Amino acid sequence: MTQKTPVTEPTLQAVCDGVAHQSRSAGDDYYLGHFNPTVGENQLAQALNEYARALEQSPEAVDIVVKMAQTLLKQGLFSKAEQTAKRALALHQAGNALPKEALSRAYQVLGIAAYHRDDYEAAKRFLALSIRVFPKNQTLARIYLFKLERDFVLEHWKNPRSLWKGLAALQCLVMAILTVPFSKERMSFGHGLLLLPQLMQAWFLEEFRHHEEALAQYLKIHRQFPGLPGVTVIIGELYREMGLVEEARYWFEKALERHPDYLNGYYHLARLLEEQENYPQMAEVYETIVRMTPHQADAHCHLGNAYYYMNDFTQAVSHYATALQLGSDNRWKAMVAQSMANIYTDYLRNSQAAIAYYDMASVLNPEDVENYIQMGLLYFQKDDFANAESVYLKAIKASPKMPKLYSNLGYLRWMANDVEQAIVYYKRAIELDDTYEIPINNLGVIHLDLLGDVESAIGYFQQAIALNANYALAYYNLGRAYSFLGNRLEAAHCFKTAQELNLDSKDLDNDELSARIHSLFDSCEIELLD
């Protein structure tokens, strides 16, 4: 097993005492060209080739290794960038001293890579160390520190520390702005002055729904500044809104070709592919996002969606499970858990896992009654009436005015031979919704078969039919009631109607229905849980 070289913080004195100089390479021109908005080609691969060639000629030029790490970072290869930066620091600690600026950049790469894998403590430590070693030219490090502090405030805004974190975020942002003039990795002021009014004009056109004029303006900007990924993606998005999907895809892919680390471009492309129902390529794009940001919960969730669309349910629940582990918002996690439970119920046929995830979703978001309803149905199907009833009682606490819950509880009490309480629940369901035909039908069955009150039963069945003229079960039960009174013509009419409606509704078994009709219909038939 290869032993990892630890990355430790050097003393400032050791940094200052090191004799080191900056190495010059043709790769520098290609790398800085990446930040020139007038350059339309991706020159990062050429920069890496030049850096590799320079390192072959001068193996002692460890700062070239740092430049390679920076370039890999811009390509979106965060893991490789991190490994390369660690290699540079290991060489530095072994005596091959790095210049202070290069050492600072190595720590910056480690900080940004840690941020993208959601290791925020490490990110903050390395970014702060980068600024401490070389305070100048630290716009990017301060921007990432701003993001870290901002993210804390957004996620923990009720925490008393959020006020101080907010002030720290503001300080980082101000310092980032103040250090922009010292940054090499930026647009020139001349280009900025030329670009800003054009962007404002395009934005106003887009904002006021003049999409064709806005598109023409953005295309004009792109011809002058083909290296701006944001403009390229906006052009693609305008084409998407106009229904020109092939053009939209071309521009999204063009943005990513120029800026392979531009996550926003990947998300736009993936959404377009989803709209086109191109799920295999949608999955490929999200796989790329997951490789770049493996701890991004929503990326795993979207990837799970792609596999769900492709009917690969095992892969779908695997990525949903990862999203659950990584996510922080309880309501969002509840939706993911519910999706997993639905898959286990409908496709993987694992009721135990489904119940576990519905239960998790109900804990994460107690207000979503659907989780209780589905969990109760699963318990009912397992003949576990006690747990089903317990779940529905919890649901009523969350939503005390949902008729379906009382109707289902009425049925469960009926199965427990507690007819009196069953009637109470059914009547409560009807009070909440007097157009709800199922509890009305079931009250009719109770009065017919258990209480012997045929006249009341007929009234309930007629009321249910008046609410739903296609209710085969109510016609069937009304036919049974008439047969008890000896009204064979009315009974025959009801049974015939029930048979005709059952062709569509499938509420009843046709063979069993025919047999019961011929035997004077003396059995009990009720509506099960809704």
Protein backbone atom coordinates (compact mmCIF):
# COMPACT_ATOMS: atom_id res chain seq x y z
CA MET A 1 0.00 0.00 0.00
CA THR A 2 1.34 3.43 -0.96
CA GLN A 3 1.85 5.65 2.07
CA LYS A 4 0.25 9.08 1.74
CA THR A 5 2.48 12.05 2.40
CA PRO A 6 0.83 14.29 5.00
CA VAL A 7 0.18 17.89 4.06
CA THR A 8 1.24 20.10 6.95
CA GLU A 9 1.35 23.84 7.46
CA PRO A 10 4.87 25.29 7.22
CA THR A 11 5.96 28.15 9.42
CA LEU A 12 6.11 31.55 7.79
CA GLN A 13 9.78 31.73 8.68
CA ALA A 14 10.43 28.53 6.76
CA VAL A 15 8.64 29.98 3.76
CA CYS A 16 10.62 33.20 3.89
CA ASP A 17 13.94 31.41 4.35
CA GLY A 18 13.35 29.13 1.33
CA VAL A 19 15.35 30.09 -1.73
CA ALA A 20 12.99 29.72 -4.65
CA HIS A 21 12.13 31.42 -7.91
CA GLN A 22 9.21 31.39 -10.30
CA SER A 23 9.73 29.21 -13.39
CA ARG A 24 8.56 30.54 -16.74
CA SER A 25 6.85 28.24 -19.24
CA ALA A 26 4.98 28.57 -22.50
CA GLY A 27 2.12 26.93 -20.60
CA ASP A 28 1.64 30.22 -18.73
CA ASP A 29 0.47 31.94 -21.90
CA TYR A 30 -2.04 29.20 -22.63
CA TYR A 31 -3.25 29.14 -19.02
CA LEU A 32 -3.74 32.92 -18.83
CA GLY A 33 -5.36 32.81 -22.26
CA HIS A 34 -8.12 30.83 -20.58
CA PHE A 35 -9.15 34.03 -18.79
CA ASN A 36 -9.11 36.16 -21.95
CA PRO A 37 -12.76 36.47 -23.04
CA THR A 38 -11.74 37.17 -26.64
CA VAL A 39 -10.21 33.68 -26.95
CA GLY A 40 -12.81 31.12 -28.00
CA GLU A 41 -10.71 27.96 -27.80
CA ASN A 42 -9.96 25.90 -24.73
CA GLN A 43 -6.19 26.15 -24.29
CA LEU A 44 -5.92 24.27 -20.99
CA ALA A 45 -4.83 20.99 -22.59
CA GLN A 46 -2.05 22.87 -24.41
CA ALA A 47 -1.06 24.50 -21.12
CA LEU A 48 -0.76 21.08 -19.46
CA ASN A 49 1.36 19.76 -22.32
CA GLU A 50 3.72 22.72 -22.06
CA TYR A 51 3.96 22.36 -18.27
CA ALA A 52 4.75 18.66 -18.62
CA ARG A 53 7.46 19.47 -21.16
CA ALA A 54 8.92 22.16 -18.89
CA LEU A 55 8.98 19.74 -15.97
CA GLU A 56 10.86 17.17 -18.03
CA GLN A 57 13.50 19.77 -18.83
CA SER A 58 13.64 21.15 -15.26
CA PRO A 59 12.55 18.49 -12.72
CA GLU A 60 13.51 20.81 -9.88
CA ALA A 61 10.92 23.42 -10.96
CA VAL A 62 8.32 22.34 -8.42
CA ASP A 63 6.25 25.49 -9.01
CA ILE A 64 5.41 24.02 -12.42
CA VAL A 65 3.66 21.21 -10.57
CA VAL A 66 1.51 23.85 -8.83
CA LYS A 67 0.65 25.38 -12.20
CA MET A 68 -0.40 21.95 -13.44
CA ALA A 69 -2.67 21.62 -10.38
CA GLN A 70 -4.26 25.00 -11.15
CA THR A 71 -4.86 23.98 -14.75
CA LEU A 72 -6.44 20.67 -13.74
CA LEU A 73 -8.71 22.62 -11.40
CA LYS A 74 -9.91 24.77 -14.30
CA GLN A 75 -10.62 21.60 -16.27
CA GLY A 76 -12.98 20.49 -13.53
CA LEU A 77 -10.68 17.61 -12.54
CA PHE A 78 -10.80 18.46 -8.86
CA SER A 79 -9.47 15.15 -7.56
CA LYS A 80 -6.46 15.17 -9.90
CA ALA A 81 -5.81 18.83 -9.08
CA GLU A 82 -5.83 18.01 -5.37
CA GLN A 83 -3.41 15.10 -5.83
CA THR A 84 -1.08 17.27 -7.92
CA ALA A 85 -1.10 20.10 -5.35
CA LYS A 86 -0.30 17.60 -2.58
CA ARG A 87 2.60 16.32 -4.68
CA ALA A 88 3.97 19.88 -4.98
CA LEU A 89 3.69 20.42 -1.23
CA ALA A 90 5.41 17.11 -0.52
CA LEU A 91 8.33 18.20 -2.73
CA HIS A 92 8.37 21.56 -0.97
CA GLN A 93 8.51 19.94 2.45
CA ALA A 94 11.28 17.63 1.23
CA GLY A 95 13.49 20.68 0.59
CA ASN A 96 12.59 21.68 -2.96
CA ALA A 97 11.35 25.11 -1.89
CA LEU A 98 8.36 26.76 -3.53
CA PRO A 99 8.13 30.52 -4.03
CA LYS A 100 5.60 32.07 -1.67
CA GLU A 101 3.10 32.79 -4.45
CA ALA A 102 3.30 29.23 -5.78
CA LEU A 103 2.99 27.83 -2.25
CA SER A 104 -0.07 30.00 -1.74
CA ARG A 105 -1.57 28.72 -4.99
CA ALA A 106 -1.01 25.11 -3.93
CA TYR A 107 -3.00 25.71 -0.75
CA GLN A 108 -5.65 27.52 -2.77
CA VAL A 109 -6.06 24.48 -5.03
CA LEU A 110 -6.45 22.25 -1.96
CA GLY A 111 -9.03 24.63 -0.50
CA ILE A 112 -11.14 24.81 -3.65
CA ALA A 113 -10.95 21.03 -4.16
CA ALA A 114 -12.03 20.51 -0.54
CA TYR A 115 -14.94 22.93 -1.08
CA HIS A 116 -16.18 20.92 -4.06
CA ARG A 117 -16.18 17.71 -2.02
CA ASP A 118 -18.04 19.52 0.78
CA ASP A 119 -15.17 19.29 3.27
CA TYR A 120 -15.79 22.84 4.43
CA GLU A 121 -13.50 22.78 7.44
CA ALA A 122 -10.53 21.72 5.29
CA ALA A 123 -11.52 24.22 2.61
CA LYS A 124 -11.59 27.08 5.07
CA ARG A 125 -8.27 26.05 6.62
CA PHE A 126 -6.42 25.80 3.29
CA LEU A 127 -7.92 28.98 1.83
CA ALA A 128 -7.03 30.98 4.94
CA LEU A 129 -3.51 29.54 4.80
CA SER A 130 -3.24 30.52 1.14
CA ILE A 131 -4.04 34.15 1.99
CA ARG A 132 -1.73 34.11 5.00
CA VAL A 133 1.25 32.91 2.95
CA PHE A 134 0.75 35.39 0.10
CA PRO A 135 -1.92 38.06 0.75
CA LYS A 136 -1.77 39.61 -2.74
CA ASN A 137 -3.67 38.24 -5.73
CA GLN A 138 -6.16 36.29 -3.59
CA THR A 139 -9.47 37.20 -5.22
CA LEU A 140 -10.46 33.58 -5.88
CA ALA A 141 -9.55 32.39 -2.38
CA ARG A 142 -11.60 35.19 -0.82
CA ILE A 143 -14.57 34.44 -3.07
CA TYR A 144 -14.57 30.84 -1.89
CA LEU A 145 -14.25 31.96 1.72
CA PHE A 146 -17.25 34.22 1.09
CA LYS A 147 -19.19 31.19 -0.23
CA LEU A 148 -18.30 29.17 2.85
CA GLU A 149 -19.50 31.85 5.25
CA ARG A 150 -22.59 32.57 3.14
CA ASP A 151 -23.54 28.87 3.02
CA PHE A 152 -23.33 28.68 6.81
CA VAL A 153 -25.64 31.68 7.17
CA LEU A 154 -28.18 30.25 4.70
CA GLU A 155 -28.25 26.82 6.34
CA HIS A 156 -28.09 27.95 9.98
CA TRP A 157 -29.73 31.36 9.89
CA LYS A 158 -31.38 30.77 13.29
CA ASN A 159 -28.00 30.08 14.89
CA PRO A 160 -26.69 33.08 16.89
CA ARG A 161 -23.35 32.63 15.11
CA SER A 162 -24.99 33.39 11.77
CA LEU A 163 -24.72 37.15 12.44
CA TRP A 164 -20.94 36.96 12.83
CA LYS A 165 -20.71 34.60 9.87
CA GLY A 166 -22.69 37.08 7.80
CA LEU A 167 -20.28 39.87 8.71
CA ALA A 168 -17.34 37.60 7.89
CA ALA A 169 -18.91 36.79 4.52
CA LEU A 170 -19.34 40.50 3.78
CA GLN A 171 -15.71 41.15 4.71
CA CYS A 172 -14.51 38.37 2.40
CA LEU A 173 -16.61 39.74 -0.46
CA VAL A 174 -15.29 43.28 0.00
CA MET A 175 -11.70 42.04 0.15
CA ALA A 176 -12.26 39.92 -2.97
CA ILE A 177 -13.46 43.00 -4.85
CA LEU A 178 -10.53 45.09 -3.61
CA THR A 179 -7.99 42.49 -4.74
CA VAL A 180 -9.42 42.13 -8.27
CA PRO A 181 -6.92 44.63 -9.76
CA PHE A 182 -4.02 42.45 -8.53
CA SER A 183 -5.41 39.23 -10.00
CA LYS A 184 -3.87 37.77 -13.15
CA GLU A 185 -6.85 35.45 -13.63
CA ARG A 186 -9.34 38.08 -14.67
CA MET A 187 -10.71 40.03 -17.58
CA SER A 188 -8.89 43.24 -18.43
CA PHE A 189 -10.53 46.52 -17.40
CA GLY A 190 -10.72 47.55 -21.04
CA HIS A 191 -12.69 44.45 -21.92
CA GLY A 192 -14.90 44.96 -18.88
CA LEU A 193 -15.74 48.54 -19.82
CA LEU A 194 -16.58 47.44 -23.36
CA LEU A 195 -18.65 44.45 -22.22
CA LEU A 196 -20.73 45.90 -19.39
CA PRO A 197 -23.08 48.21 -21.36
CA GLN A 198 -23.67 45.48 -23.95
CA LEU A 199 -24.58 42.98 -21.24
CA MET A 200 -26.95 45.48 -19.62
CA GLN A 201 -28.68 46.09 -22.93
CA ALA A 202 -29.09 42.34 -23.55
CA TRP A 203 -30.37 41.79 -20.01
CA PHE A 204 -33.02 44.50 -20.33
CA LEU A 205 -34.19 43.05 -23.65
CA GLU A 206 -34.46 39.60 -22.10
CA GLU A 207 -36.16 40.91 -18.96
CA PHE A 208 -38.87 42.64 -21.02
CA ARG A 209 -39.49 39.48 -23.06
CA HIS A 210 -37.90 40.68 -26.28
CA HIS A 211 -36.25 37.28 -26.69
CA GLU A 212 -35.26 37.55 -30.35
CA GLU A 213 -33.64 40.95 -29.88
CA ALA A 214 -31.94 39.72 -26.69
CA LEU A 215 -30.62 36.67 -28.53
CA ALA A 216 -29.24 38.85 -31.31
CA GLN A 217 -27.49 41.03 -28.72
CA TYR A 218 -25.99 38.04 -26.88
CA LEU A 219 -24.78 36.59 -30.19
CA LYS A 220 -23.12 39.93 -30.95
CA ILE A 221 -21.40 39.83 -27.55
CA HIS A 222 -20.28 36.25 -28.17
CA ARG A 223 -18.65 37.20 -31.47
CA GLN A 224 -16.55 39.75 -29.58
CA PHE A 225 -16.05 37.68 -26.42
CA PRO A 226 -16.36 33.98 -27.29
CA GLY A 227 -14.67 32.96 -24.05
CA LEU A 228 -17.51 33.94 -21.69
CA PRO A 229 -19.30 30.75 -20.55
CA GLY A 230 -22.21 32.61 -18.96
CA VAL A 231 -23.09 34.36 -22.23
CA THR A 232 -22.77 31.10 -24.17
CA VAL A 233 -25.14 29.31 -21.79
CA ILE A 234 -27.65 32.20 -21.92
CA ILE A 235 -27.69 31.88 -25.72
CA GLY A 236 -28.39 28.17 -25.35
CA GLU A 237 -31.15 28.85 -22.83
CA LEU A 238 -32.82 31.39 -25.14
CA TYR A 239 -32.79 28.85 -27.96
CA ARG A 240 -34.30 26.27 -25.57
CA GLU A 241 -37.12 28.67 -24.63
CA MET A 242 -37.77 29.19 -28.36
CA GLY A 243 -38.08 25.41 -28.84
CA LEU A 244 -34.86 25.11 -30.87
CA VAL A 245 -33.40 22.22 -28.89
CA GLU A 246 -30.56 21.29 -31.24
CA GLU A 247 -29.28 24.85 -31.27
CA ALA A 248 -29.62 24.99 -27.48
CA ARG A 249 -27.62 21.81 -27.07
CA TYR A 250 -24.90 23.11 -29.40
CA TRP A 251 -24.41 26.22 -27.28
CA PHE A 252 -24.45 24.38 -23.95
CA GLU A 253 -21.82 21.96 -25.21
CA LYS A 254 -19.81 24.86 -26.65
CA ALA A 255 -19.72 26.52 -23.22
CA LEU A 256 -18.50 23.29 -21.60
CA GLU A 257 -15.87 22.72 -24.26
CA ARG A 258 -14.41 26.13 -23.46
CA HIS A 259 -14.91 25.87 -19.68
CA PRO A 260 -15.03 22.22 -18.55
CA ASP A 261 -15.35 23.27 -14.89
CA TYR A 262 -18.53 25.30 -15.50
CA LEU A 263 -21.09 23.35 -13.45
CA ASN A 264 -23.99 25.60 -14.42
CA GLY A 265 -23.48 24.57 -18.05
CA TYR A 266 -23.74 20.89 -17.16
CA TYR A 267 -27.00 21.46 -15.30
CA HIS A 268 -28.52 23.34 -18.26
CA LEU A 269 -27.46 20.59 -20.67
CA ALA A 270 -28.83 17.86 -18.39
CA ARG A 271 -32.18 19.63 -18.09
CA LEU A 272 -32.41 19.92 -21.88
CA LEU A 273 -31.65 16.22 -22.29
CA GLU A 274 -34.33 15.39 -19.70
CA GLU A 275 -36.88 17.46 -21.63
CA GLN A 276 -35.92 15.54 -24.79
CA GLU A 277 -36.32 12.27 -22.84
CA ASN A 278 -32.73 11.43 -23.71
CA TYR A 279 -32.20 9.75 -20.37
CA PRO A 280 -28.96 7.82 -21.10
CA GLN A 281 -27.11 11.03 -22.02
CA MET A 282 -28.82 12.88 -19.17
CA ALA A 283 -27.33 10.25 -16.85
CA GLU A 284 -23.89 10.74 -18.42
CA VAL A 285 -23.99 14.47 -17.75
CA TYR A 286 -25.01 13.97 -14.13
CA GLU A 287 -22.31 11.31 -13.75
CA THR A 288 -19.83 14.02 -14.78
CA ILE A 289 -21.29 16.43 -12.22
CA VAL A 290 -21.08 13.76 -9.52
CA ARG A 291 -17.43 13.10 -10.38
CA MET A 292 -16.71 16.82 -10.09
CA THR A 293 -18.76 17.35 -6.91
CA PRO A 294 -19.26 13.91 -5.32
CA HIS A 295 -20.84 15.33 -2.19
CA GLN A 296 -23.50 17.41 -3.97
CA ALA A 297 -26.82 15.93 -2.83
CA ASP A 298 -28.97 17.33 -5.64
CA ALA A 299 -26.61 15.91 -8.29
CA HIS A 300 -27.09 12.41 -6.91
CA CYS A 301 -30.84 12.99 -6.77
CA HIS A 302 -30.96 14.08 -10.42
CA LEU A 303 -28.82 11.10 -11.38
CA GLY A 304 -31.27 8.87 -9.50
CA ASN A 305 -34.09 10.46 -11.54
CA ALA A 306 -32.27 9.62 -14.77
CA TYR A 307 -31.91 5.96 -13.78
CA TYR A 308 -35.57 5.91 -12.68
CA TYR A 309 -36.62 7.13 -16.13
CA MET A 310 -34.53 4.30 -17.64
CA ASN A 311 -36.28 1.77 -15.34
CA ASP A 312 -32.99 0.97 -13.60
CA PHE A 313 -34.61 1.13 -10.19
CA THR A 314 -31.71 -0.42 -8.28
CA GLN A 315 -29.33 2.32 -9.46
CA ALA A 316 -32.03 4.93 -8.84
CA VAL A 317 -32.50 4.02 -5.17
CA SER A 318 -28.71 3.78 -4.74
CA HIS A 319 -28.24 7.41 -5.79
CA TYR A 320 -31.33 8.53 -3.87
CA ALA A 321 -29.83 6.91 -0.77
CA THR A 322 -26.58 8.86 -1.31
CA ALA A 323 -28.59 12.06 -1.74
CA LEU A 324 -30.34 11.33 1.56
CA GLN A 325 -27.01 10.99 3.35
CA LEU A 326 -25.63 14.20 1.85
CA GLY A 327 -28.72 16.41 2.00
CA SER A 328 -29.37 18.85 4.82
CA ASP A 329 -32.91 20.15 4.18
CA ASN A 330 -35.42 17.87 5.90
CA ARG A 331 -38.34 18.60 3.57
CA TRP A 332 -36.20 17.89 0.52
CA LYS A 333 -34.89 14.69 2.11
CA ALA A 334 -38.48 13.67 2.89
CA MET A 335 -39.36 13.91 -0.81
CA VAL A 336 -36.34 11.77 -1.71
CA ALA A 337 -37.26 9.17 0.93
CA GLN A 338 -40.84 9.13 -0.37
CA SER A 339 -39.56 8.54 -3.92
CA MET A 340 -37.50 5.61 -2.68
CA ALA A 341 -40.51 4.19 -0.84
CA ASN A 342 -42.63 4.49 -4.00
CA ILE A 343 -40.02 2.57 -5.99
CA TYR A 344 -39.82 -0.18 -3.37
CA THR A 345 -43.63 -0.37 -3.39
CA ASP A 346 -44.35 -0.24 -7.12
CA TYR A 347 -41.30 -1.83 -8.74
CA LEU A 348 -38.96 -3.63 -6.35
CA ARG A 349 -41.83 -5.17 -4.35
CA ASN A 350 -40.08 -4.78 -1.04
CA SER A 351 -42.79 -3.71 1.40
CA GLN A 352 -40.46 -3.75 4.40
CA ALA A 353 -38.05 -1.28 2.77
CA ALA A 354 -40.97 0.80 1.52
CA ILE A 355 -42.43 1.08 5.03
CA ALA A 356 -39.01 2.05 6.41
CA TYR A 357 -38.62 4.91 3.89
CA TYR A 358 -42.22 6.11 4.27
CA ASP A 359 -41.58 6.18 8.01
CA MET A 360 -38.35 8.15 7.45
CA ALA A 361 -40.20 10.60 5.22
CA SER A 362 -42.93 11.07 7.85
CA VAL A 363 -40.31 11.84 10.50
CA LEU A 364 -38.51 14.31 8.23
CA ASN A 365 -41.76 16.03 7.22
CA PRO A 366 -44.64 15.14 9.57
CA GLU A 367 -47.02 17.44 7.66
CA ASP A 368 -47.02 15.30 4.49
CA VAL A 369 -49.94 12.95 5.16
CA GLU A 370 -49.36 10.92 1.99
CA ASN A 371 -46.51 9.06 3.70
CA TYR A 372 -48.87 7.88 6.46
CA ILE A 373 -51.53 6.87 3.95
CA GLN A 374 -49.14 4.76 1.89
CA MET A 375 -47.56 3.24 4.99
CA GLY A 376 -51.00 2.34 6.33
CA LEU A 377 -51.96 0.65 3.07
CA LEU A 378 -48.78 -1.45 3.15
CA TYR A 379 -49.52 -2.54 6.71
CA PHE A 380 -53.10 -3.33 5.66
CA GLN A 381 -51.88 -5.48 2.78
CA LYS A 382 -49.72 -7.38 5.28
CA ASP A 383 -52.84 -7.89 7.48
CA ASP A 384 -51.13 -5.85 10.17
CA PHE A 385 -54.24 -3.90 11.09
CA ALA A 386 -52.89 -2.67 14.43
CA ASN A 387 -49.92 -0.87 12.86
CA ALA A 388 -52.12 0.40 10.02
CA GLU A 389 -54.49 1.96 12.54
CA SER A 390 -51.60 3.43 14.53
CA VAL A 391 -50.22 5.09 11.39
CA TYR A 392 -53.60 6.57 10.43
CA LEU A 393 -54.07 7.96 13.94
CA LYS A 394 -50.71 9.74 13.55
CA ALA A 395 -51.88 11.03 10.19
CA ILE A 396 -55.03 12.49 11.74
CA LYS A 397 -52.89 14.47 14.19
CA ALA A 398 -51.05 15.96 11.21
CA SER A 399 -54.18 16.49 9.10
CA PRO A 400 -57.36 16.24 11.19
CA LYS A 401 -59.69 17.22 8.34
CA MET A 402 -58.83 14.61 5.71
CA PRO A 403 -61.90 12.40 5.05
CA LYS A 404 -59.92 9.50 3.60
CA LEU A 405 -58.11 8.94 6.90
CA TYR A 406 -61.38 8.57 8.83
CA SER A 407 -62.82 6.28 6.17
CA ASN A 408 -59.79 4.00 6.34
CA LEU A 409 -59.90 4.01 10.15
CA GLY A 410 -63.57 3.09 9.95
CA TYR A 411 -62.71 0.04 7.89
CA LEU A 412 -59.92 -1.00 10.28
CA ARG A 413 -62.26 -0.67 13.29
CA TRP A 414 -64.78 -2.74 11.38
CA MET A 415 -62.19 -5.47 10.86
CA ALA A 416 -61.51 -5.36 14.61
CA ASN A 417 -65.28 -5.96 15.23
CA ASP A 418 -65.62 -2.50 16.75
CA VAL A 419 -68.68 -1.61 14.68
CA GLU A 420 -69.73 1.29 16.88
CA GLN A 421 -66.40 3.09 16.45
CA ALA A 422 -66.35 2.20 12.74
CA ILE A 423 -69.68 4.01 12.31
CA VAL A 424 -68.29 7.03 14.19
CA TYR A 425 -65.27 7.23 11.85
CA TYR A 426 -67.39 6.79 8.70
CA LYS A 427 -69.81 9.51 9.78
CA ARG A 428 -66.90 11.83 10.55
CA ALA A 429 -65.53 11.23 7.02
CA ILE A 430 -68.94 12.11 5.57
CA GLU A 431 -69.17 15.25 7.74
CA LEU A 432 -65.89 16.43 6.26
CA ASP A 433 -66.94 15.56 2.69
CA ASP A 434 -70.59 14.79 2.04
CA THR A 435 -69.76 13.83 -1.57
CA TYR A 436 -67.42 11.02 -0.46
CA GLU A 437 -69.28 7.91 -1.66
CA ILE A 438 -67.02 5.19 -0.19
CA PRO A 439 -67.85 5.63 3.54
CA ILE A 440 -71.52 6.07 2.57
CA ASN A 441 -71.49 2.70 0.77
CA ASN A 442 -69.69 1.05 3.68
CA LEU A 443 -72.21 2.41 6.19
CA GLY A 444 -74.87 0.82 4.04
CA VAL A 445 -73.12 -2.55 4.22
CA ILE A 446 -72.82 -2.29 8.01
CA HIS A 447 -76.53 -1.51 8.34
CA LEU A 448 -77.44 -4.28 5.91
CA ASP A 449 -75.23 -7.13 7.14
CA LEU A 450 -74.51 -6.31 10.77
CA LEU A 451 -77.39 -4.21 12.05
CA GLY A 452 -80.17 -5.73 9.90
CA ASP A 453 -81.50 -2.26 9.03
CA VAL A 454 -82.31 -2.86 5.35
CA GLU A 455 -84.21 0.40 4.80
CA SER A 456 -81.32 2.51 6.11
CA ALA A 457 -78.90 0.44 4.04
CA ILE A 458 -80.92 1.11 0.87
CA GLY A 459 -80.83 4.83 1.65
CA TYR A 460 -77.04 4.77 1.98
CA PHE A 461 -76.57 2.79 -1.26
CA GLN A 462 -78.90 5.12 -3.20
CA GLN A 463 -77.02 8.13 -1.82
CA ALA A 464 -73.67 6.64 -2.92
CA ILE A 465 -75.05 5.97 -6.43
CA ALA A 466 -76.42 9.50 -6.65
CA LEU A 467 -72.89 10.78 -5.97
CA ASN A 468 -71.21 8.33 -8.38
CA ALA A 469 -73.42 6.86 -11.08
CA ASN A 470 -70.61 4.49 -12.14
CA TYR A 471 -70.17 2.95 -8.69
CA ALA A 472 -70.54 -0.77 -9.49
CA LEU A 473 -70.11 -1.87 -5.89
CA ALA A 474 -72.94 0.33 -4.64
CA TYR A 475 -75.29 -1.07 -7.30
CA TYR A 476 -74.27 -4.58 -6.28
CA ASN A 477 -74.95 -3.91 -2.60
CA LEU A 478 -78.25 -2.19 -3.43
CA GLY A 479 -79.22 -5.31 -5.38
CA ARG A 480 -78.45 -7.42 -2.32
CA ALA A 481 -80.61 -5.16 -0.17
CA TYR A 482 -83.56 -5.43 -2.58
CA SER A 483 -83.13 -9.21 -2.69
CA PHE A 484 -83.44 -9.31 1.12
CA LEU A 485 -86.80 -7.55 0.78
CA GLY A 486 -87.86 -9.94 -2.02
CA ASN A 487 -87.87 -7.18 -4.65
CA ARG A 488 -86.38 -9.40 -7.35
CA LEU A 489 -86.99 -7.03 -10.31
CA GLU A 490 -85.22 -4.15 -8.60
CA ALA A 491 -82.47 -6.51 -7.47
CA ALA A 492 -82.04 -7.91 -11.01
CA HIS A 493 -81.79 -4.38 -12.43
CA CYS A 494 -79.12 -3.41 -9.89
CA PHE A 495 -77.07 -6.56 -10.50
CA LYS A 496 -77.24 -6.12 -14.27
CA THR A 497 -76.08 -2.51 -13.93
CA ALA A 498 -73.27 -3.65 -11.62
CA GLN A 499 -72.12 -6.23 -14.19
CA GLU A 500 -72.06 -3.63 -16.97
CA LEU A 501 -70.13 -1.09 -14.89
CA ASN A 502 -67.73 -3.76 -13.66
CA LEU A 503 -66.40 -4.23 -17.19
CA ASP A 504 -64.62 -0.89 -16.73
CA SER A 505 -64.20 -0.53 -12.98
CA LYS A 506 -63.15 -4.13 -12.16
CA ASP A 507 -64.40 -3.58 -8.60
CA LEU A 508 -65.93 -7.07 -8.55
CA ASP A 509 -64.99 -10.50 -9.76
CA ASN A 510 -67.32 -11.30 -12.67
CA ASP A 511 -67.47 -15.04 -12.03
CA GLU A 512 -68.12 -14.49 -8.35
CA LEU A 513 -70.70 -11.83 -9.20
CA SER A 514 -72.61 -14.22 -11.48
CA ALA A 515 -72.51 -16.96 -8.86
CA ARG A 516 -73.83 -14.66 -6.18
CA ILE A 517 -76.57 -13.37 -8.42
CA HIS A 518 -77.74 -16.92 -9.04
CA SER A 519 -77.64 -17.74 -5.32
CA LEU A 520 -79.80 -14.72 -4.39
CA PHE A 521 -76.85 -12.55 -3.49
CA ASP A 522 -76.56 -13.36 0.19
CA SER A 523 -72.89 -12.37 0.68
CA CYS A 524 -71.24 -9.25 1.98
CA GLU A 525 -69.36 -6.97 -0.36
CA ILE A 526 -67.67 -3.75 0.78
CA GLU A 527 -65.26 -1.12 -0.47
CA LEU A 528 -61.72 -1.73 0.80
CA LEU A 529 -59.29 0.97 1.85
CA ASP A 530 -59.21 3.88 -0.52
